[in-house]
Structures are given as structure tokens and as C-alpha cells.
Protein backbone atom coordinates (compact mmCIF):
# COMPACT_ATOMS: atom_id res chain seq x y z
CA MET A 1 0.19 -0.07 -0.03
CA PRO A 2 1.22 3.20 -0.75
CA LYS A 3 1.79 5.76 2.07
CA MET A 4 -0.63 8.34 3.11
CA LYS A 5 0.41 11.95 2.24
CA SER A 6 -0.42 14.85 4.03
CA HIS A 7 -1.48 18.24 2.19
CA LYS A 8 0.77 20.43 2.30
CA GLY A 9 -0.71 23.65 2.19
CA ALA A 10 -2.73 22.48 4.84
CA ALA A 11 0.07 21.52 6.77
CA GLY A 12 1.39 24.67 7.04
CA ARG A 13 -1.45 26.54 8.07
CA PHE A 14 -3.07 24.10 10.58
CA SER A 15 -1.20 22.05 13.55
CA VAL A 16 -3.13 19.36 15.55
CA SER A 17 -2.54 19.12 19.44
CA LYS A 18 -1.98 15.85 21.65
CA LYS A 19 -5.67 16.17 22.55
CA GLY A 20 -6.36 16.07 19.18
CA LYS A 21 -7.88 19.65 18.73
CA VAL A 22 -7.21 21.69 15.13
CA SER A 23 -5.26 25.02 15.82
CA ARG A 24 -5.03 27.50 13.59
CA ARG A 25 -3.85 31.58 13.20
CA ARG A 26 -6.24 34.20 13.06
CA ALA A 27 -6.89 35.86 9.51
CA GLY A 28 -5.93 39.57 9.02
CA HIS A 29 -2.64 39.89 10.46
CA ASN A 30 -0.28 39.92 7.45
CA HIS A 31 -0.49 43.23 5.60
CA MET A 32 -1.75 46.63 6.37
CA LEU A 33 -1.11 46.96 9.77
CA GLU A 34 -0.47 50.54 10.21
CA LYS A 35 -4.27 51.13 10.07
CA LYS A 36 -5.05 48.55 12.47
CA SER A 37 -5.08 49.60 16.20
CA GLN A 38 -2.81 47.86 18.94
CA LYS A 39 -5.66 46.04 20.37
CA ARG A 40 -6.86 44.67 17.15
CA LYS A 41 -3.54 43.52 16.23
CA ARG A 42 -2.99 41.78 19.53
CA ARG A 43 -6.33 39.90 19.23
CA LEU A 44 -5.07 38.50 15.97
CA ASN A 45 -1.53 37.62 16.84
CA THR A 46 -3.45 34.78 19.14
CA GLY A 47 -3.66 31.27 17.89
CA THR A 48 -7.08 29.98 18.17
CA SER A 49 -8.80 26.49 17.39
CA ALA A 50 -10.56 25.46 14.32
CA GLU A 51 -14.13 25.14 14.37
CA PRO A 52 -15.53 21.66 15.08
CA GLN A 53 -17.52 21.37 11.56
CA ASP A 54 -14.04 21.58 9.92
CA GLU A 55 -11.84 19.03 11.93
CA LYS A 56 -12.73 16.26 10.35
CA ARG A 57 -11.85 17.44 6.98
CA LEU A 58 -8.59 19.00 8.17
CA LYS A 59 -7.36 15.91 9.81
CA ARG A 60 -7.96 13.77 6.74
CA LEU A 61 -5.85 16.77 5.22
CA LEU A 62 -3.16 16.44 7.67
CA GLY A 63 -2.97 12.89 7.43
CA VAL A 64 -4.18 12.04 11.09
CA LYS A 65 -6.46 9.27 11.48
């Protein structure tokens, strides 16, 4: 049987924790940062977990289970 390969685009954007949650970065923290407030940029800088509806699809792309 051939090996299962991970989707490299998804692998760079998401990671799976030991408990099985999928973590992601927040959108909107890449460009045009001068016009955004410090409070908004700090909020966007933190990571978060992916939505439960998307976890099954993301794990399949990442090659987990």
C-alpha cells in the first residue's frame, strides 16, 4: 500500500495538538497593519482552534487518523 501524504498547504497552516484539536492562526494579521489598532493586532496575533465542523476534513488533509 502507498503511504498517505499530508496536504502541504494545510500542513503549513494547521497543526494538531496531543488532545486532537486543530489549531490555526487568525486571519487579517499579514498586511496593512498600520491602519489597525494595537488592540486589534494583539487579538489577531493569538492562535485559536479550528471550528468543530471543519476538524474532520482538516485531519484528513493533515493525515491524522
